[in-house]
Amino acid sequence: MDGEADPDAGAEFRHLAEDAGAEIAGFLTVRRQRLDPATCIGRGKVAEIAERIAGEDIGLVLFDRMLGPVQERNLEKAWSARVVDRVGLILDIFARRARTHEGKLQVELAQLTRLRTRLVRGWTHLERQRGGIGLRGPGETQLETDRRLIGERIRVLRARLVRVAAQRATQRRARQRAPVPTVALVGYTNAGKSSLFNALTDTGQYAADRLFATLDPSVRRLSGGEGSGILLADTVGFLRDLPTELIAAFRATLEEVNQAQLLLHVIDGSSPEQEAQAAAVEEVLREIGAGDLPRLLVINKIDRTGEEPLVFYDPGGLPRGVRVSARTGQGLDLLRALLPQCLGKQRLLLRCSLGPAEGALRSHLHRSGKVLEECFDANGTGHLLVEIDAEKWRRLQSAYSTESCQRSDLPHTMGA
């Protein structure tokens, strides 16, 4: 059930429902100038849908928007059927797709974080007070007990995810110590990221024509050609209106995106909504702090559109993207050739204030980069403006404390 009069968004919502295993009895678009605070859709629509539910023996109603706890409870009471909003639907799909220990922990954390906001009045059996020997008196209501138990479980899950994140960070540092750059695949769900990952790395990562087919990140070495020294990371697909609970829970997983030297933004070239989907991906990247990372657009599925493989450029003559087909392999040779070029020409501009004790870092900056300006103050602190290759700077960061150096501007990418 969609609160927007957008047929393409409705098609995506239908796809979500089918992926969750729902058998769709009907689809209804409701237009309202203002959402009803009690039921979201208003009493008239509630009564109309109640008649249909009773007549067709429907047990589940899905909403393509986020409902408040009170709205959800009121609708379930009016219809005597389960009501699940967009967030709950996506969480259910994530719970089905999670395979690794980390993925399952992240999904459970998101589910419990959401459930805790739902324990607000309403369920009378949760209002009963506990009593018994040693517990006479006011006691603790079942609602309070459930809140406390959920809170304790959330703390346990967060602690476990911190340990998993620490292990992942250790693995990442080991990769960073070696001169091997990382490229991360990002994109709207079902854009073909995992298929592209398989084609570029010759691996058997699970890929299917379904939303959120891949939840857990994978890192493999690029196979063949000049790019054989590059690591490629596959990540979870994004979606419009992605719930904040999911972004928070999967923040550790998405660190693979933040730590990459280059993002490949995979776009489904056969989708009529590719521009809106690309905008949704950019919004999530900004939310996780990766909005400034350099990227290369990969227009996938040209086997469906009939287009030819092609590298396209921005007005400055720099490569901006490439058209490929992960399924047939068209254009992958162009993409492989672009990756070393993009990574090799990524430059950073740094302003550093180095004390006398940081002579080793200063020496390495002179050897690894191009010192544009340098002067010393009365305390012996050296102030430098340095242009340096991003990959060399990443290696220096793993070897030295670099808090005294700050980026002066955004990375210059692909020939800057």
Protein backbone atom coordinates (compact mmCIF):
# COMPACT_ATOMS: atom_id res chain seq x y z
CA MET A 1 0.00 0.00 0.00
CA ASP A 2 1.66 3.15 -1.20
CA GLY A 3 1.22 6.63 0.17
CA GLU A 4 2.64 8.21 -3.01
CA ALA A 5 1.14 8.36 -6.50
CA ASP A 6 4.35 7.10 -8.09
CA PRO A 7 3.94 4.00 -10.31
CA ASP A 8 7.69 3.28 -10.39
CA ALA A 9 7.96 3.44 -6.59
CA GLY A 10 4.92 1.17 -6.49
CA ALA A 11 6.65 -1.36 -8.75
CA GLU A 12 9.64 -1.39 -6.42
CA PHE A 13 7.34 -1.86 -3.42
CA ARG A 14 5.63 -4.78 -5.16
CA HIS A 15 9.07 -6.31 -5.80
CA LEU A 16 9.93 -5.92 -2.11
CA ALA A 17 6.70 -7.62 -1.07
CA GLU A 18 7.23 -10.52 -3.47
CA ASP A 19 10.83 -10.96 -2.32
CA ALA A 20 9.56 -11.19 1.25
CA GLY A 21 7.30 -14.08 0.19
CA ALA A 22 3.98 -12.22 0.23
CA GLU A 23 1.14 -13.32 -2.04
CA ILE A 24 -0.30 -10.04 -3.30
CA ALA A 25 -4.10 -9.85 -3.31
CA GLY A 26 -4.25 -6.21 -4.41
CA PHE A 27 -2.45 -2.91 -4.58
CA LEU A 28 -4.00 0.38 -3.47
CA THR A 29 -2.63 3.90 -3.86
CA VAL A 30 -3.90 6.43 -1.33
CA ARG A 31 -3.53 10.17 -1.97
CA ARG A 32 -3.71 12.52 0.99
CA GLN A 33 -2.61 16.10 1.49
CA ARG A 34 -1.88 15.39 5.15
CA LEU A 35 -1.30 12.07 6.88
CA ASP A 36 -3.77 11.15 9.58
CA PRO A 37 -1.88 10.95 12.91
CA ALA A 38 -4.05 8.05 14.13
CA THR A 39 -4.22 5.82 11.05
CA CYS A 40 -2.04 7.50 8.37
CA ILE A 41 -4.74 7.04 5.68
CA GLY A 42 -7.91 8.33 7.39
CA ARG A 43 -11.05 6.67 8.75
CA GLY A 44 -12.80 6.40 5.37
CA LYS A 45 -10.01 4.37 3.79
CA VAL A 46 -9.62 2.30 6.95
CA ALA A 47 -13.30 1.29 6.73
CA GLU A 48 -13.06 0.61 2.98
CA ILE A 49 -10.02 -1.63 3.41
CA ALA A 50 -11.60 -3.38 6.41
CA GLU A 51 -14.47 -4.56 4.20
CA ARG A 52 -12.05 -5.93 1.62
CA ILE A 53 -9.94 -7.67 4.25
CA ALA A 54 -13.01 -9.35 5.71
CA GLY A 55 -14.32 -10.37 2.29
CA GLU A 56 -11.04 -11.82 0.96
CA ASP A 57 -9.66 -13.24 4.21
CA ILE A 58 -6.46 -11.16 4.06
CA GLY A 59 -4.07 -11.59 6.97
CA LEU A 60 -1.35 -9.03 6.18
CA VAL A 61 -1.35 -5.40 5.01
CA LEU A 62 1.91 -3.78 3.84
CA PHE A 63 2.57 -0.03 3.74
CA ASP A 64 5.19 1.62 1.53
CA ARG A 65 5.99 4.20 4.17
CA MET A 66 7.07 4.25 7.78
CA LEU A 67 4.23 4.03 10.29
CA GLY A 68 4.36 5.19 13.88
CA PRO A 69 3.72 2.67 16.68
CA VAL A 70 0.27 4.16 17.41
CA GLN A 71 -0.74 4.12 13.72
CA GLU A 72 0.38 0.52 13.32
CA ARG A 73 -1.49 -0.57 16.44
CA ASN A 74 -4.69 1.28 15.49
CA LEU A 75 -4.73 -0.27 12.03
CA GLU A 76 -4.14 -3.79 13.35
CA LYS A 77 -7.02 -3.33 15.78
CA ALA A 78 -9.35 -2.00 13.06
CA TRP A 79 -8.52 -4.74 10.55
CA SER A 80 -7.74 -7.72 12.81
CA ALA A 81 -4.73 -8.32 10.56
CA ARG A 82 -1.01 -7.81 10.79
CA VAL A 83 0.27 -4.45 9.54
CA VAL A 84 3.88 -4.09 8.41
CA ASP A 85 5.40 -0.83 7.17
CA ARG A 86 8.29 -0.29 4.76
CA VAL A 87 10.94 -0.54 7.50
CA GLY A 88 9.53 -3.79 8.85
CA LEU A 89 9.32 -5.24 5.33
CA ILE A 90 12.97 -4.44 4.54
CA LEU A 91 14.08 -5.81 7.90
CA ASP A 92 12.23 -9.05 7.16
CA ILE A 93 14.04 -9.38 3.82
CA PHE A 94 17.37 -8.64 5.47
CA ALA A 95 16.68 -11.32 8.09
CA ARG A 96 16.07 -13.86 5.30
CA ARG A 97 19.21 -12.87 3.37
CA ALA A 98 21.77 -12.63 6.20
CA ARG A 99 24.22 -15.52 6.05
CA THR A 100 27.32 -14.60 8.04
CA HIS A 101 27.56 -14.14 11.80
CA GLU A 102 28.11 -10.40 11.38
CA GLY A 103 25.13 -10.01 9.04
CA LYS A 104 22.82 -11.81 11.47
CA LEU A 105 24.02 -9.67 14.37
CA GLN A 106 23.39 -6.49 12.37
CA VAL A 107 19.87 -7.53 11.38
CA GLU A 108 18.96 -8.53 14.94
CA LEU A 109 20.28 -5.22 16.26
CA ALA A 110 18.17 -3.27 13.75
CA GLN A 111 15.09 -5.35 14.58
CA LEU A 112 15.43 -4.90 18.33
CA THR A 113 16.16 -1.19 18.01
CA ARG A 114 12.91 -0.87 16.09
CA LEU A 115 10.96 -3.14 18.45
CA ARG A 116 11.97 -1.08 21.46
CA THR A 117 10.12 1.92 20.00
CA ARG A 118 7.04 -0.28 19.53
CA LEU A 119 6.75 -1.20 23.24
CA VAL A 120 4.56 1.77 24.06
CA ARG A 121 1.26 1.06 25.79
CA GLY A 122 -1.19 -0.96 23.75
CA TRP A 123 -0.53 -4.59 24.64
CA THR A 124 -2.44 -5.15 27.89
CA HIS A 125 -0.61 -8.36 28.75
CA LEU A 126 2.58 -6.32 28.95
CA GLU A 127 1.09 -3.98 31.55
CA ARG A 128 0.72 -6.63 34.27
CA GLN A 129 2.96 -6.23 37.29
CA ARG A 130 5.20 -9.02 38.43
CA GLY A 131 4.80 -10.30 41.99
CA GLY A 132 5.75 -13.28 44.12
CA ILE A 133 7.99 -14.03 47.07
CA GLY A 134 10.46 -11.21 47.46
CA LEU A 135 8.68 -9.18 44.78
CA ARG A 136 5.62 -7.90 46.69
CA GLY A 137 4.69 -4.28 46.27
CA PRO A 138 4.80 -2.11 43.17
CA GLY A 139 7.06 -4.59 41.36
CA GLU A 140 8.01 -4.24 37.70
CA THR A 141 5.50 -4.30 34.86
CA GLN A 142 5.97 -6.82 32.09
CA LEU A 143 6.36 -3.90 29.69
CA GLU A 144 9.26 -2.53 31.72
CA THR A 145 10.79 -6.02 31.91
CA ASP A 146 10.60 -6.41 28.14
CA ARG A 147 12.14 -3.00 27.61
CA ARG A 148 14.96 -3.86 29.99
CA LEU A 149 15.62 -7.25 28.38
CA ILE A 150 15.62 -5.73 24.90
CA GLY A 151 18.00 -3.01 26.08
CA GLU A 152 20.36 -5.61 27.55
CA ARG A 153 20.28 -7.65 24.34
CA ILE A 154 21.00 -4.51 22.28
CA ARG A 155 24.05 -3.79 24.46
CA VAL A 156 25.29 -7.37 23.97
CA LEU A 157 24.82 -7.15 20.20
CA ARG A 158 26.61 -3.81 19.99
CA ALA A 159 29.53 -5.19 21.98
CA ARG A 160 29.78 -8.20 19.67
CA LEU A 161 29.61 -5.98 16.59
CA VAL A 162 32.39 -3.81 18.03
CA ARG A 163 34.57 -6.94 18.28
CA VAL A 164 33.67 -7.96 14.73
CA ALA A 165 34.43 -4.43 13.53
CA ALA A 166 37.80 -4.57 15.31
CA GLN A 167 38.61 -7.84 13.54
CA ARG A 168 37.61 -6.33 10.21
CA ALA A 169 39.74 -3.25 10.94
CA THR A 170 42.72 -5.52 11.67
CA GLN A 171 42.23 -7.27 8.34
CA ARG A 172 41.89 -3.89 6.64
CA ARG A 173 45.12 -2.59 8.21
CA ALA A 174 46.93 -5.70 6.99
CA ARG A 175 45.71 -4.95 3.46
CA GLN A 176 46.66 -1.29 3.79
CA ARG A 177 50.23 -2.13 4.80
CA ALA A 178 50.66 -3.75 1.41
CA PRO A 179 50.65 -1.45 -1.63
CA VAL A 180 47.30 -2.81 -2.82
CA PRO A 181 44.52 -0.25 -3.45
CA THR A 182 40.86 -1.11 -2.74
CA VAL A 183 37.96 -0.34 -5.05
CA ALA A 184 34.42 -0.66 -3.62
CA LEU A 185 31.30 -1.47 -5.60
CA VAL A 186 28.28 0.60 -4.56
CA GLY A 187 24.89 0.96 -6.13
CA TYR A 188 21.16 0.56 -5.91
CA THR A 189 19.98 -2.90 -4.98
CA ASN A 190 19.62 -5.21 -7.98
CA ALA A 191 21.84 -3.00 -10.18
CA GLY A 192 24.12 -5.99 -10.83
CA LYS A 193 26.96 -5.30 -8.38
CA SER A 194 27.49 -8.93 -7.39
CA SER A 195 27.38 -10.08 -11.02
CA LEU A 196 30.01 -7.46 -11.86
CA PHE A 197 32.04 -8.53 -8.81
CA ASN A 198 32.00 -12.14 -10.02
CA ALA A 199 32.95 -11.15 -13.56
CA LEU A 200 35.89 -9.02 -12.43
CA THR A 201 37.25 -11.43 -9.81
CA ASP A 202 36.32 -14.86 -11.26
CA THR A 203 34.57 -15.86 -8.04
CA GLY A 204 31.23 -17.46 -7.26
CA GLN A 205 29.70 -14.76 -5.06
CA TYR A 206 25.93 -15.32 -4.81
CA ALA A 207 24.07 -13.16 -7.32
CA ALA A 208 20.39 -13.20 -8.26
CA ASP A 209 17.72 -11.01 -9.84
CA ARG A 210 16.30 -10.03 -6.47
CA LEU A 211 16.56 -7.16 -3.99
CA PHE A 212 19.33 -7.39 -1.38
CA ALA A 213 20.73 -10.64 -2.79
CA THR A 214 24.03 -9.74 -1.10
CA LEU A 215 24.17 -8.42 2.47
CA ASP A 216 27.64 -9.36 3.64
CA PRO A 217 30.73 -7.64 2.20
CA SER A 218 33.28 -9.63 0.21
CA VAL A 219 36.80 -8.55 -0.78
CA ARG A 220 38.67 -10.31 -3.59
CA ARG A 221 41.61 -9.54 -5.83
CA LEU A 222 40.81 -8.34 -9.35
CA SER A 223 41.68 -11.02 -11.87
CA GLY A 224 43.72 -10.59 -15.04
CA GLY A 225 45.21 -7.62 -16.83
CA GLU A 226 46.73 -4.49 -15.34
CA GLY A 227 44.24 -4.50 -12.47
CA SER A 228 45.47 -7.76 -10.93
CA GLY A 229 47.03 -5.76 -8.07
CA ILE A 230 43.68 -4.20 -7.04
CA LEU A 231 41.27 -5.42 -4.36
CA LEU A 232 37.55 -5.24 -5.16
CA ALA A 233 34.93 -5.02 -2.39
CA ASP A 234 31.26 -5.92 -2.91
CA THR A 235 28.79 -4.31 -0.49
CA VAL A 236 25.09 -4.32 0.36
CA GLY A 237 22.83 -2.61 -2.16
CA PHE A 238 21.12 0.67 -1.30
CA LEU A 239 17.47 1.62 -1.60
CA ARG A 240 15.42 4.80 -1.54
CA ASP A 241 14.23 5.75 1.95
CA LEU A 242 16.63 3.20 3.44
CA PRO A 243 15.72 3.01 7.15
CA THR A 244 18.12 4.82 9.46
CA GLU A 245 18.16 1.75 11.71
CA LEU A 246 19.69 -0.25 8.87
CA ILE A 247 22.25 2.40 8.00
CA ALA A 248 23.31 2.52 11.67
CA ALA A 249 23.41 -1.28 12.06
CA PHE A 250 25.38 -1.82 8.85
CA ARG A 251 27.78 1.06 9.42
CA ALA A 252 30.64 -1.36 10.22
CA THR A 253 30.00 -3.26 7.00
CA LEU A 254 29.89 -0.04 5.01
CA GLU A 255 33.33 0.90 6.38
CA GLU A 256 34.65 -1.03 3.38
CA VAL A 257 33.20 1.81 1.32
CA ASN A 258 34.77 4.55 3.43
CA GLN A 259 38.21 2.94 3.30
CA ALA A 260 38.26 2.46 -0.48
CA GLN A 261 40.42 4.61 -2.75
CA LEU A 262 37.80 4.56 -5.50
CA LEU A 263 34.07 3.82 -5.69
CA LEU A 264 32.49 2.11 -8.67
CA HIS A 265 28.91 3.38 -8.69
CA VAL A 266 27.03 0.62 -10.53
CA ILE A 267 23.83 1.83 -12.22
CA ASP A 268 21.16 -0.32 -13.86
CA GLY A 269 21.17 1.17 -17.35
CA SER A 270 17.94 -0.65 -18.22
CA SER A 271 15.92 0.90 -15.40
CA PRO A 272 13.66 3.86 -16.23
CA GLU A 273 14.35 5.12 -12.71
CA GLN A 274 18.15 5.07 -12.95
CA GLU A 275 18.51 8.79 -12.17
CA ALA A 276 16.38 8.57 -9.02
CA GLN A 277 18.17 5.40 -7.96
CA ALA A 278 21.58 7.02 -8.45
CA ALA A 279 20.42 9.99 -6.34
CA ALA A 280 19.31 7.61 -3.56
CA VAL A 281 22.76 5.97 -3.56
CA GLU A 282 24.47 9.36 -3.37
CA GLU A 283 22.28 10.29 -0.39
CA VAL A 284 23.28 7.14 1.53
CA LEU A 285 26.96 7.72 0.68
CA ARG A 286 26.69 11.19 2.21
CA GLU A 287 25.04 9.73 5.32
CA ILE A 288 27.89 7.28 5.92
CA GLY A 289 30.59 9.91 5.30
CA ALA A 290 31.64 8.69 1.85
CA GLY A 291 30.16 11.50 -0.20
CA ASP A 292 33.56 13.01 -1.06
CA LEU A 293 35.26 9.81 -2.22
CA PRO A 294 36.20 9.69 -5.92
CA ARG A 295 34.00 7.50 -8.07
CA LEU A 296 33.60 6.07 -11.53
CA LEU A 297 30.12 5.42 -12.93
CA VAL A 298 29.51 1.94 -14.31
CA ILE A 299 26.36 1.77 -16.45
CA ASN A 300 25.49 -1.94 -16.32
CA LYS A 301 23.07 -4.18 -18.28
CA ILE A 302 23.72 -2.80 -21.75
CA ASP A 303 22.81 -6.28 -23.00
CA ARG A 304 19.22 -5.26 -22.22
CA THR A 305 19.39 -1.78 -23.74
CA GLY A 306 21.27 -2.71 -26.93
CA GLU A 307 23.93 -0.03 -26.33
CA GLU A 308 27.59 -0.52 -27.15
CA PRO A 309 30.45 -0.49 -24.59
CA LEU A 310 31.77 3.03 -24.25
CA VAL A 311 33.93 5.19 -21.97
CA PHE A 312 32.39 8.64 -21.50
CA TYR A 313 34.16 11.76 -20.31
CA ASP A 314 33.37 14.95 -18.41
CA PRO A 315 33.74 18.42 -20.01
CA GLY A 316 37.36 18.51 -18.84
CA GLY A 317 38.19 15.41 -20.84
CA LEU A 318 38.54 13.13 -17.81
CA PRO A 319 36.95 9.64 -17.68
CA ARG A 320 33.61 9.82 -15.86
CA GLY A 321 32.14 6.38 -16.51
CA VAL A 322 31.85 3.33 -18.70
CA ARG A 323 29.03 1.25 -20.18
CA VAL A 324 29.30 -2.52 -19.58
CA SER A 325 27.36 -5.74 -19.26
CA ALA A 326 28.38 -7.92 -16.32
CA ARG A 327 26.31 -10.78 -17.72
CA THR A 328 27.89 -10.93 -21.20
CA GLY A 329 31.28 -9.38 -20.37
CA GLN A 330 30.87 -6.48 -22.83
CA GLY A 331 32.96 -3.47 -21.85
CA LEU A 332 34.74 -5.17 -18.95
CA ASP A 333 38.09 -4.77 -20.72
CA LEU A 334 37.46 -1.01 -20.85
CA LEU A 335 36.64 -0.97 -17.14
CA ARG A 336 39.74 -2.99 -16.23
CA ALA A 337 41.92 -0.57 -18.19
CA LEU A 338 40.37 2.46 -16.47
CA LEU A 339 40.90 1.26 -12.87
CA PRO A 340 44.72 1.56 -12.70
CA GLN A 341 44.47 4.88 -14.51
CA CYS A 342 41.92 6.27 -12.04
CA LEU A 343 43.76 5.00 -8.97
CA GLY A 344 47.18 6.12 -10.17
CA LYS A 345 46.08 9.70 -10.76
CA GLN A 346 44.24 10.33 -7.51
CA ARG A 347 45.99 13.20 -5.73
CA LEU A 348 45.51 14.85 -2.35
CA LEU A 349 46.50 18.31 -1.13
CA LEU A 350 47.61 18.30 2.54
CA ARG A 351 48.47 21.02 5.03
CA CYS A 352 50.79 19.69 7.74
CA SER A 353 52.17 21.26 10.91
CA LEU A 354 55.02 19.00 12.04
CA GLY A 355 56.97 19.46 15.25
CA PRO A 356 60.69 18.72 15.64
CA ALA A 357 59.87 15.16 16.78
CA GLU A 358 58.06 14.41 13.52
CA GLY A 359 61.11 14.63 11.31
CA ALA A 360 60.67 11.12 9.93
CA LEU A 361 57.18 11.90 8.60
CA ARG A 362 58.45 15.19 7.14
CA SER A 363 61.26 13.34 5.39
CA HIS A 364 58.81 10.79 3.93
CA LEU A 365 56.52 13.57 2.71
CA HIS A 366 59.44 15.12 0.84
CA ARG A 367 60.30 11.75 -0.74
CA SER A 368 56.75 10.57 -1.50
CA GLY A 369 55.03 13.81 -2.46
CA LYS A 370 55.59 17.24 -3.90
CA VAL A 371 56.15 19.90 -1.22
CA LEU A 372 54.61 23.09 -2.61
CA GLU A 373 55.26 25.31 0.40
CA GLU A 374 57.33 24.98 3.58
CA CYS A 375 58.19 27.36 6.39
CA PHE A 376 59.14 27.15 10.08
CA ASP A 377 57.92 29.16 13.05
CA ALA A 378 59.86 30.25 16.15
CA ASN A 379 59.08 26.94 17.92
CA GLY A 380 60.66 24.91 15.15
CA THR A 381 57.31 23.66 13.84
CA GLY A 382 57.36 23.12 10.09
CA HIS A 383 54.29 24.12 8.08
CA LEU A 384 54.01 22.31 4.76
CA LEU A 385 51.64 22.28 1.81
CA VAL A 386 52.07 18.89 0.12
CA GLU A 387 50.58 17.33 -3.00
CA ILE A 388 50.75 13.54 -2.74
CA ASP A 389 49.39 10.44 -4.39
CA ALA A 390 46.45 9.11 -2.35
CA GLU A 391 47.85 5.58 -2.26
CA LYS A 392 51.21 6.76 -0.92
CA TRP A 393 49.44 8.87 1.71
CA ARG A 394 47.39 5.89 2.81
CA ARG A 395 50.58 3.92 3.38
CA LEU A 396 52.10 6.76 5.39
CA GLN A 397 48.96 6.89 7.54
CA SER A 398 49.39 3.21 8.43
CA ALA A 399 53.02 3.82 9.47
CA TYR A 400 52.84 7.20 11.25
CA SER A 401 50.56 9.26 13.44
CA THR A 402 49.20 11.80 10.96
CA GLU A 403 46.83 13.89 13.09
CA SER A 404 48.96 16.96 12.33
CA CYS A 405 48.08 16.75 8.61
CA GLN A 406 44.73 17.87 7.28
CA ARG A 407 43.26 17.67 3.80
CA SER A 408 43.21 21.11 2.23
CA ASP A 409 40.58 20.21 -0.33
CA LEU A 410 38.87 17.22 -1.90
CA PRO A 411 40.84 14.53 -3.72
CA HIS A 412 41.77 15.28 -7.30
CA THR A 413 40.74 12.24 -9.29
CA MET A 414 41.40 10.77 -12.71
CA GLY A 415 43.97 13.12 -14.13
CA ALA A 416 43.69 16.11 -11.79
